[in-house]
Amino acid sequence: MGQLLMVWDFVHNAIVFLWAMVSVQFIVYHVLLNLGVALAAAIRTGEFKFYRVWEFLYRKLLPFVLVYGVARGLGETANQGWLAVAVMGLIEMSLAADLVENLARLGVPIPDAILQLIDKSDR
């Protein structure tokens, strides 16, 4: 029981530490925005499956938050503040590409040049 409490305390403290970062909050809100648009697109196209909601959050939210947290920690430890900024930029580019793709699936007109640029970046 003591080890379980130690694990719980570690996880709780990690979540509190990460949530205190405005950048992490921004990532979470952006993932939730993407989830809302993806859900709307899936419902519109008849592809909605409830289990995919959790898969989406697990596949997007957890890795992005953990990677950013590690990058920020390493950057601060090594006095390389640019590392967290660079990782945040890459995460936001990935989330923005997902958002644009889902908006297109929803029927929002997106210029072909932007869709081609996103398609090339997926490869």
N, C-alpha and C. Protein backbone atom coordinates (compact mmCIF):
# COMPACT_ATOMS: atom_id res chain seq x y z
N MET A 1 0.82 -1.21 0.00
CA MET A 1 0.00 0.00 0.00
C MET A 1 0.86 1.27 0.00
N GLY A 2 2.00 1.20 0.70
CA GLY A 2 2.89 2.36 0.78
C GLY A 2 3.47 2.73 -0.57
N GLN A 3 3.82 1.71 -1.36
CA GLN A 3 4.37 1.97 -2.69
C GLN A 3 3.33 2.58 -3.62
N LEU A 4 2.10 2.11 -3.48
CA LEU A 4 1.02 2.65 -4.30
C LEU A 4 0.81 4.13 -4.00
N LEU A 5 0.88 4.49 -2.73
CA LEU A 5 0.74 5.91 -2.35
C LEU A 5 1.90 6.74 -2.88
N MET A 6 3.09 6.16 -2.88
CA MET A 6 4.25 6.88 -3.41
C MET A 6 4.08 7.12 -4.91
N VAL A 7 3.60 6.11 -5.63
CA VAL A 7 3.36 6.24 -7.06
C VAL A 7 2.28 7.30 -7.30
N TRP A 8 1.19 7.23 -6.53
CA TRP A 8 0.11 8.20 -6.67
C TRP A 8 0.62 9.61 -6.42
N ASP A 9 1.43 9.80 -5.37
CA ASP A 9 1.98 11.13 -5.07
C ASP A 9 2.86 11.62 -6.21
N PHE A 10 3.66 10.72 -6.77
CA PHE A 10 4.52 11.11 -7.90
C PHE A 10 3.69 11.56 -9.09
N VAL A 11 2.69 10.76 -9.44
CA VAL A 11 1.83 11.08 -10.59
C VAL A 11 1.08 12.38 -10.32
N HIS A 12 0.53 12.53 -9.14
CA HIS A 12 -0.20 13.76 -8.78
C HIS A 12 0.71 14.98 -8.88
N ASN A 13 1.90 14.89 -8.31
CA ASN A 13 2.84 16.01 -8.36
C ASN A 13 3.27 16.33 -9.79
N ALA A 14 3.44 15.29 -10.61
CA ALA A 14 3.81 15.52 -12.02
C ALA A 14 2.69 16.25 -12.75
N ILE A 15 1.45 15.84 -12.51
CA ILE A 15 0.31 16.49 -13.16
C ILE A 15 0.20 17.94 -12.72
N VAL A 16 0.33 18.18 -11.43
CA VAL A 16 0.25 19.56 -10.91
C VAL A 16 1.38 20.41 -11.49
N PHE A 17 2.58 19.84 -11.54
CA PHE A 17 3.73 20.56 -12.09
C PHE A 17 3.50 20.91 -13.56
N LEU A 18 3.06 19.93 -14.35
CA LEU A 18 2.85 20.17 -15.77
C LEU A 18 1.70 21.15 -16.01
N TRP A 19 0.60 21.01 -15.25
CA TRP A 19 -0.55 21.87 -15.46
C TRP A 19 -0.25 23.32 -15.11
N ALA A 20 0.74 23.54 -14.26
CA ALA A 20 1.11 24.91 -13.89
C ALA A 20 1.75 25.66 -15.05
N MET A 21 2.19 24.94 -16.07
CA MET A 21 2.81 25.57 -17.24
C MET A 21 1.72 26.03 -18.21
N VAL A 22 1.74 27.29 -18.55
CA VAL A 22 0.76 27.85 -19.48
C VAL A 22 0.85 27.13 -20.84
N SER A 23 2.05 26.78 -21.24
CA SER A 23 2.22 26.08 -22.52
C SER A 23 1.50 24.74 -22.52
N VAL A 24 1.56 24.02 -21.42
CA VAL A 24 0.87 22.73 -21.32
C VAL A 24 -0.64 22.95 -21.38
N GLN A 25 -1.13 23.97 -20.70
CA GLN A 25 -2.56 24.28 -20.77
C GLN A 25 -2.96 24.59 -22.21
N PHE A 26 -2.12 25.33 -22.92
CA PHE A 26 -2.41 25.67 -24.31
C PHE A 26 -2.47 24.40 -25.16
N ILE A 27 -1.52 23.48 -24.94
CA ILE A 27 -1.52 22.21 -25.69
C ILE A 27 -2.81 21.45 -25.41
N VAL A 28 -3.19 21.37 -24.14
CA VAL A 28 -4.41 20.64 -23.76
C VAL A 28 -5.63 21.27 -24.44
N TYR A 29 -5.75 22.58 -24.38
CA TYR A 29 -6.89 23.25 -25.00
C TYR A 29 -6.90 23.05 -26.51
N HIS A 30 -5.72 23.08 -27.12
CA HIS A 30 -5.64 22.89 -28.57
C HIS A 30 -6.04 21.45 -28.94
N VAL A 31 -5.60 20.48 -28.14
CA VAL A 31 -5.99 19.08 -28.40
C VAL A 31 -7.50 18.93 -28.24
N LEU A 32 -8.08 19.57 -27.23
CA LEU A 32 -9.53 19.49 -27.03
C LEU A 32 -10.29 20.15 -28.19
N LEU A 33 -9.77 21.26 -28.70
CA LEU A 33 -10.37 21.89 -29.88
C LEU A 33 -10.32 20.94 -31.07
N ASN A 34 -9.15 20.33 -31.27
CA ASN A 34 -9.01 19.36 -32.36
C ASN A 34 -9.98 18.19 -32.18
N LEU A 35 -10.14 17.75 -30.94
CA LEU A 35 -11.06 16.64 -30.66
C LEU A 35 -12.49 17.03 -31.03
N GLY A 36 -12.90 18.23 -30.66
CA GLY A 36 -14.25 18.69 -30.99
C GLY A 36 -14.49 18.73 -32.49
N VAL A 37 -13.53 19.25 -33.23
CA VAL A 37 -13.68 19.33 -34.69
C VAL A 37 -13.63 17.93 -35.30
N ALA A 38 -12.74 17.07 -34.78
CA ALA A 38 -12.65 15.70 -35.30
C ALA A 38 -13.95 14.94 -35.02
N LEU A 39 -14.54 15.15 -33.84
CA LEU A 39 -15.82 14.50 -33.53
C LEU A 39 -16.91 14.98 -34.48
N ALA A 40 -16.97 16.27 -34.71
CA ALA A 40 -17.98 16.81 -35.63
C ALA A 40 -17.79 16.24 -37.04
N ALA A 41 -16.54 16.15 -37.48
CA ALA A 41 -16.27 15.59 -38.82
C ALA A 41 -16.63 14.12 -38.87
N ALA A 42 -16.31 13.36 -37.81
CA ALA A 42 -16.62 11.93 -37.80
C ALA A 42 -18.13 11.70 -37.78
N ILE A 43 -18.84 12.50 -37.04
CA ILE A 43 -20.31 12.38 -37.00
C ILE A 43 -20.88 12.73 -38.38
N ARG A 44 -20.37 13.79 -38.98
CA ARG A 44 -20.87 14.23 -40.30
C ARG A 44 -20.63 13.17 -41.37
N THR A 45 -19.48 12.48 -41.30
CA THR A 45 -19.14 11.50 -42.33
C THR A 45 -19.59 10.09 -41.96
N GLY A 46 -20.21 9.93 -40.79
CA GLY A 46 -20.68 8.62 -40.36
C GLY A 46 -19.59 7.69 -39.87
N GLU A 47 -18.44 8.24 -39.51
CA GLU A 47 -17.31 7.43 -39.05
C GLU A 47 -17.14 7.44 -37.54
N PHE A 48 -18.06 8.03 -36.81
CA PHE A 48 -17.89 8.19 -35.36
C PHE A 48 -17.92 6.84 -34.65
N LYS A 49 -16.92 6.65 -33.80
CA LYS A 49 -16.85 5.50 -32.91
C LYS A 49 -16.39 6.02 -31.56
N PHE A 50 -17.15 5.73 -30.51
CA PHE A 50 -16.88 6.32 -29.19
C PHE A 50 -15.48 5.98 -28.68
N TYR A 51 -15.01 4.75 -28.88
CA TYR A 51 -13.70 4.36 -28.37
C TYR A 51 -12.58 5.20 -28.95
N ARG A 52 -12.80 5.77 -30.12
CA ARG A 52 -11.76 6.58 -30.76
C ARG A 52 -11.52 7.89 -30.04
N VAL A 53 -12.49 8.36 -29.23
CA VAL A 53 -12.29 9.58 -28.44
C VAL A 53 -11.13 9.37 -27.49
N TRP A 54 -11.16 8.26 -26.75
CA TRP A 54 -10.09 7.98 -25.78
C TRP A 54 -8.78 7.71 -26.49
N GLU A 55 -8.85 7.02 -27.63
CA GLU A 55 -7.66 6.76 -28.41
C GLU A 55 -7.02 8.07 -28.86
N PHE A 56 -7.85 9.02 -29.31
CA PHE A 56 -7.37 10.32 -29.76
C PHE A 56 -6.66 11.05 -28.62
N LEU A 57 -7.30 11.08 -27.45
CA LEU A 57 -6.69 11.78 -26.32
C LEU A 57 -5.39 11.11 -25.89
N TYR A 58 -5.39 9.79 -25.86
CA TYR A 58 -4.20 9.05 -25.47
C TYR A 58 -3.08 9.22 -26.48
N ARG A 59 -3.43 9.23 -27.76
CA ARG A 59 -2.44 9.32 -28.83
C ARG A 59 -1.91 10.74 -29.01
N LYS A 60 -2.72 11.73 -28.71
CA LYS A 60 -2.32 13.12 -28.93
C LYS A 60 -1.92 13.83 -27.64
N LEU A 61 -2.82 13.81 -26.67
CA LEU A 61 -2.61 14.62 -25.47
C LEU A 61 -1.42 14.15 -24.65
N LEU A 62 -1.41 12.90 -24.28
CA LEU A 62 -0.37 12.39 -23.40
C LEU A 62 1.04 12.55 -23.99
N PRO A 63 1.27 12.10 -25.23
CA PRO A 63 2.63 12.27 -25.76
C PRO A 63 3.06 13.73 -25.89
N PHE A 64 2.17 14.58 -26.34
CA PHE A 64 2.55 15.99 -26.52
C PHE A 64 2.90 16.64 -25.19
N VAL A 65 2.10 16.40 -24.17
CA VAL A 65 2.37 16.99 -22.86
C VAL A 65 3.66 16.44 -22.28
N LEU A 66 3.85 15.13 -22.38
CA LEU A 66 5.08 14.54 -21.83
C LEU A 66 6.32 15.01 -22.59
N VAL A 67 6.25 15.04 -23.90
CA VAL A 67 7.42 15.49 -24.68
C VAL A 67 7.73 16.95 -24.36
N TYR A 68 6.71 17.78 -24.27
CA TYR A 68 6.96 19.19 -23.94
C TYR A 68 7.54 19.31 -22.54
N GLY A 69 6.98 18.58 -21.58
CA GLY A 69 7.49 18.64 -20.21
C GLY A 69 8.95 18.22 -20.12
N VAL A 70 9.30 17.14 -20.81
CA VAL A 70 10.69 16.68 -20.82
C VAL A 70 11.60 17.71 -21.50
N ALA A 71 11.15 18.25 -22.63
CA ALA A 71 11.95 19.25 -23.34
C ALA A 71 12.17 20.49 -22.48
N ARG A 72 11.14 20.88 -21.79
CA ARG A 72 11.29 22.07 -20.95
C ARG A 72 12.23 21.78 -19.78
N GLY A 73 12.07 20.61 -19.17
CA GLY A 73 12.95 20.24 -18.06
C GLY A 73 14.40 20.14 -18.50
N LEU A 74 14.65 19.49 -19.63
CA LEU A 74 16.01 19.38 -20.14
C LEU A 74 16.57 20.74 -20.53
N GLY A 75 15.74 21.55 -21.16
CA GLY A 75 16.18 22.88 -21.56
C GLY A 75 16.55 23.75 -20.38
N GLU A 76 15.75 23.68 -19.33
CA GLU A 76 16.07 24.48 -18.14
C GLU A 76 17.32 23.95 -17.44
N THR A 77 17.46 22.63 -17.38
CA THR A 77 18.62 22.03 -16.73
C THR A 77 19.91 22.37 -17.47
N ALA A 78 19.85 22.33 -18.80
CA ALA A 78 21.04 22.59 -19.62
C ALA A 78 21.16 24.06 -20.00
N ASN A 79 20.31 24.91 -19.45
CA ASN A 79 20.31 26.33 -19.77
C ASN A 79 20.12 26.57 -21.27
N GLN A 80 19.21 25.78 -21.86
CA GLN A 80 18.90 25.87 -23.28
C GLN A 80 17.40 26.13 -23.44
N GLY A 81 16.98 27.33 -23.10
CA GLY A 81 15.56 27.68 -23.13
C GLY A 81 14.90 27.52 -24.49
N TRP A 82 15.67 27.55 -25.54
CA TRP A 82 15.13 27.43 -26.90
C TRP A 82 14.52 26.06 -27.14
N LEU A 83 14.96 25.04 -26.40
CA LEU A 83 14.50 23.68 -26.64
C LEU A 83 12.99 23.57 -26.45
N ALA A 84 12.47 24.11 -25.36
CA ALA A 84 11.03 24.05 -25.11
C ALA A 84 10.26 24.84 -26.17
N VAL A 85 10.80 25.95 -26.59
CA VAL A 85 10.14 26.77 -27.62
C VAL A 85 10.09 26.00 -28.94
N ALA A 86 11.20 25.35 -29.30
CA ALA A 86 11.23 24.58 -30.55
C ALA A 86 10.26 23.41 -30.51
N VAL A 87 10.22 22.70 -29.40
CA VAL A 87 9.30 21.56 -29.26
C VAL A 87 7.86 22.05 -29.29
N MET A 88 7.58 23.16 -28.63
CA MET A 88 6.22 23.71 -28.64
C MET A 88 5.82 24.08 -30.07
N GLY A 89 6.75 24.65 -30.82
CA GLY A 89 6.46 24.99 -32.22
C GLY A 89 6.13 23.76 -33.05
N LEU A 90 6.88 22.68 -32.87
CA LEU A 90 6.61 21.44 -33.61
C LEU A 90 5.27 20.83 -33.21
N ILE A 91 4.98 20.86 -31.93
CA ILE A 91 3.69 20.34 -31.45
C ILE A 91 2.54 21.14 -32.04
N GLU A 92 2.66 22.45 -32.03
CA GLU A 92 1.60 23.30 -32.56
C GLU A 92 1.43 23.13 -34.06
N MET A 93 2.54 22.93 -34.78
CA MET A 93 2.42 22.68 -36.23
C MET A 93 1.66 21.37 -36.48
N SER A 94 1.95 20.36 -35.69
CA SER A 94 1.25 19.08 -35.84
C SER A 94 -0.24 19.23 -35.52
N LEU A 95 -0.54 19.93 -34.42
CA LEU A 95 -1.94 20.13 -34.05
C LEU A 95 -2.67 20.99 -35.07
N ALA A 96 -2.00 22.01 -35.59
CA ALA A 96 -2.64 22.87 -36.60
C ALA A 96 -2.93 22.08 -37.87
N ALA A 97 -2.01 21.21 -38.28
CA ALA A 97 -2.24 20.39 -39.47
C ALA A 97 -3.43 19.47 -39.26
N ASP A 98 -3.52 18.84 -38.09
CA ASP A 98 -4.67 17.99 -37.77
C ASP A 98 -5.97 18.78 -37.81
N LEU A 99 -5.93 19.98 -37.24
CA LEU A 99 -7.13 20.81 -37.20
C LEU A 99 -7.59 21.18 -38.61
N VAL A 100 -6.66 21.56 -39.47
CA VAL A 100 -7.01 21.93 -40.85
C VAL A 100 -7.59 20.72 -41.59
N GLU A 101 -6.97 19.54 -41.41
CA GLU A 101 -7.49 18.34 -42.06
C GLU A 101 -8.92 18.03 -41.60
N ASN A 102 -9.17 18.16 -40.30
CA ASN A 102 -10.52 17.88 -39.79
C ASN A 102 -11.52 18.94 -40.22
N LEU A 103 -11.08 20.18 -40.31
CA LEU A 103 -11.98 21.22 -40.82
C LEU A 103 -12.35 20.93 -42.27
N ALA A 104 -11.39 20.46 -43.06
CA ALA A 104 -11.68 20.10 -44.45
C ALA A 104 -12.67 18.94 -44.50
N ARG A 105 -12.50 17.94 -43.63
CA ARG A 105 -13.43 16.80 -43.58
C ARG A 105 -14.83 17.27 -43.17
N LEU A 106 -14.88 18.34 -42.40
CA LEU A 106 -16.16 18.90 -41.95
C LEU A 106 -16.84 19.70 -43.04
N GLY A 107 -16.10 20.02 -44.09
CA GLY A 107 -16.68 20.76 -45.20
C GLY A 107 -16.27 22.22 -45.27
N VAL A 108 -15.39 22.64 -44.38
CA VAL A 108 -14.90 24.02 -44.43
C VAL A 108 -13.95 24.14 -45.61
N PRO A 109 -14.16 25.13 -46.46
CA PRO A 109 -13.28 25.27 -47.63
C PRO A 109 -11.86 25.67 -47.20
N ILE A 110 -10.91 24.83 -47.56
CA ILE A 110 -9.49 25.07 -47.28
C ILE A 110 -8.78 25.13 -48.63
N PRO A 111 -7.96 26.15 -48.86
CA PRO A 111 -7.25 26.25 -50.13
C PRO A 111 -6.43 24.98 -50.42
N ASP A 112 -6.44 24.57 -51.68
CA ASP A 112 -5.73 23.36 -52.09
C ASP A 112 -4.24 23.42 -51.74
N ALA A 113 -3.64 24.59 -51.86
CA ALA A 113 -2.21 24.72 -51.58
C ALA A 113 -1.91 24.34 -50.12
N ILE A 114 -2.79 24.72 -49.22
CA ILE A 114 -2.60 24.39 -47.79
C ILE A 114 -2.78 22.89 -47.58
N LEU A 115 -3.79 22.31 -48.21
CA LEU A 115 -4.01 20.86 -48.07
C LEU A 115 -2.84 20.07 -48.65
N GLN A 116 -2.29 20.52 -49.77
CA GLN A 116 -1.13 19.84 -50.36
C GLN A 116 0.10 19.96 -49.46
N LEU A 117 0.27 21.12 -48.85
CA LEU A 117 1.39 21.33 -47.93
C LEU A 117 1.27 20.39 -46.73
N ILE A 118 0.07 20.24 -46.20
CA ILE A 118 -0.16 19.33 -45.07
C ILE A 118 0.06 17.89 -45.50
N ASP A 119 -0.42 17.55 -46.70
CA ASP A 119 -0.27 16.19 -47.20
C ASP A 119 1.21 15.83 -47.36
N LYS A 120 2.02 16.76 -47.83
CA LYS A 120 3.46 16.52 -47.99
C LYS A 120 4.14 16.37 -46.64
N SER A 121 3.67 17.10 -45.64
CA SER A 121 4.31 17.04 -44.33
C SER A 121 3.97 15.75 -43.60
N ASP A 122 2.89 15.06 -44.00
CA ASP A 122 2.51 13.80 -43.36
C ASP A 122 3.42 12.66 -43.79
N ARG A 123 4.12 12.81 -44.87
CA ARG A 123 4.96 11.71 -45.39
C ARG A 123 6.23 11.58 -44.63
